[in-house]
Protein backbone atom coordinates (compact mmCIF):
# COMPACT_ATOMS: atom_id res chain seq x y z
CA VAL A 1 0.00 0.00 0.00
CA LEU A 2 3.07 2.21 -0.25
CA LYS A 3 3.14 4.52 -3.28
CA GLY A 4 6.38 3.91 -5.15
CA GLY A 5 7.15 0.94 -2.92
CA ALA A 6 8.81 -1.09 -5.67
CA TYR A 7 12.17 0.31 -4.51
CA LEU A 8 11.93 -2.03 -1.50
CA ARG A 9 12.60 -5.11 -3.64
CA GLU A 10 16.38 -4.63 -3.76
CA PRO A 11 17.02 -4.10 -0.03
CA ILE A 12 14.71 -6.99 0.86
CA ALA A 13 16.41 -9.25 -1.69
CA SER A 14 19.78 -8.19 -0.26
CA MET A 15 18.67 -9.07 3.29
CA LEU A 16 17.38 -12.44 2.09
CA ALA A 17 20.70 -13.14 0.39
CA GLN A 18 22.67 -12.11 3.50
CA THR A 19 20.69 -14.57 5.60
CA GLY A 20 21.14 -17.41 3.12
CA ASN A 21 17.58 -17.31 1.82
CA THR A 22 18.39 -16.76 -1.85
CA ASN A 23 15.79 -19.38 -2.81
CA LYS A 24 13.08 -17.00 -1.50
CA ILE A 25 14.09 -14.03 -3.66
CA GLU A 26 12.23 -15.35 -6.71
CA ALA A 27 9.07 -15.72 -4.62
CA LEU A 28 9.26 -12.06 -3.54
CA HIS A 29 6.56 -9.91 -5.15
CA ILE A 30 5.87 -6.33 -4.15
CA HIS A 31 2.45 -5.10 -5.24
CA SER A 32 2.69 -1.33 -4.94
CA GLU A 33 -0.44 -0.52 -6.93
CA PHE A 34 -2.84 -0.48 -3.99
CA HIS A 35 -1.88 2.90 -2.51
CA CYS A 36 -5.10 4.65 -3.67
CA GLY A 37 -3.21 7.81 -4.54
CA GLY A 38 -0.78 7.88 -1.63
CA TYR A 39 -0.60 8.20 2.13
CA GLY A 40 -3.82 9.40 3.72
CA LYS A 41 -5.74 9.17 0.46
CA ALA A 42 -8.67 6.91 -0.26
CA THR A 43 -10.75 6.16 -3.31
CA ILE A 44 -14.50 5.65 -3.44
CA GLY A 45 -13.81 1.98 -4.21
CA LEU A 46 -11.62 1.57 -1.13
CA LEU A 47 -14.18 3.23 1.14
CA ALA A 48 -16.97 1.05 -0.28
CA PHE A 49 -14.84 -2.08 0.28
CA LYS A 50 -14.04 -0.98 3.85
CA LYS A 51 -17.71 -0.43 4.68
CA LYS A 52 -18.76 -3.77 3.16
CA PHE A 53 -15.92 -5.68 4.85
CA GLU A 54 -16.60 -4.18 8.28
CA SER A 55 -20.31 -4.90 7.95
CA ALA A 56 -19.70 -8.52 6.94
CA THR A 57 -16.96 -9.32 9.46
CA GLU A 58 -17.35 -6.85 12.35
CA ILE A 59 -13.59 -6.23 12.02
CA ARG A 60 -12.68 -2.55 11.85
CA LEU A 61 -10.11 -1.34 9.35
CA ASP A 62 -8.49 2.07 9.11
CA ARG A 63 -8.44 3.72 5.68
CA ILE A 64 -4.73 4.61 5.84
CA TYR A 65 -3.19 1.14 6.20
CA THR A 66 -5.31 -1.89 7.01
CA ALA A 67 -8.19 -1.23 4.61
CA LYS A 68 -5.74 -0.81 1.74
CA ALA A 69 -3.80 -3.94 2.70
CA MET A 70 -6.95 -6.04 3.10
CA TRP A 71 -8.39 -4.69 -0.16
CA ALA A 72 -5.13 -5.62 -1.90
CA MET A 73 -5.19 -9.14 -0.47
CA VAL A 74 -8.82 -9.70 -1.50
CA GLN A 75 -8.22 -8.31 -5.01
CA LEU A 76 -5.10 -10.44 -5.48
CA MET A 77 -7.12 -13.50 -4.44
CA GLU A 78 -9.90 -12.59 -6.88
CA LEU A 79 -7.31 -12.19 -9.67
CA GLY A 80 -5.73 -15.55 -8.84
CA VAL A 81 -2.38 -14.00 -7.90
CA LEU A 82 -2.86 -15.33 -4.36
CA PRO A 83 -4.63 -18.63 -3.74
CA SER A 84 -8.27 -18.08 -2.80
CA SER A 85 -8.86 -21.58 -1.46
CA GLY A 86 -7.58 -22.76 1.87
CA GLU A 87 -6.56 -20.37 4.61
CA ALA A 88 -4.95 -16.97 4.49
CA VAL A 89 -3.43 -15.00 7.34
CA PHE A 90 -3.76 -11.23 7.54
CA LEU A 91 -1.92 -9.67 10.45
CA HIS A 92 -4.04 -6.77 11.71
CA THR A 93 -1.95 -4.80 14.18
CA GLY A 94 -4.89 -2.75 15.41
CA GLY A 95 -3.69 0.68 14.30
CA LEU A 96 -7.09 2.33 13.98
CA GLN A 97 -5.90 5.90 14.55
CA GLY A 98 -6.09 6.42 10.79
CA ASP A 99 -9.82 5.78 10.91
CA THR A 100 -10.77 9.32 11.83
CA PRO A 101 -13.81 10.78 10.04
CA VAL A 102 -13.18 12.46 6.69
CA GLU A 103 -14.80 15.89 6.53
């Protein structure tokens, strides 16, 4: 969900190589297209997803981080980039301070 986040690939690949995990570098994919315009910004589509998700699951998401990350995961599953069968883990760290009302 970081705009321009593709630059992270090289330092992450370097850290993987330094720790002897070169076999994991090929599996590394950074999807930086889910930023919705940048930090603090949200699209109508993101806000609609957030509202629907929260209504269906009773799990709150903030529009700055967790809604974007969850929306990305769901979209990547729908596109077949991530497996949609079985179980998926989404680590929600509870940072809801970004969920302040938009005026």
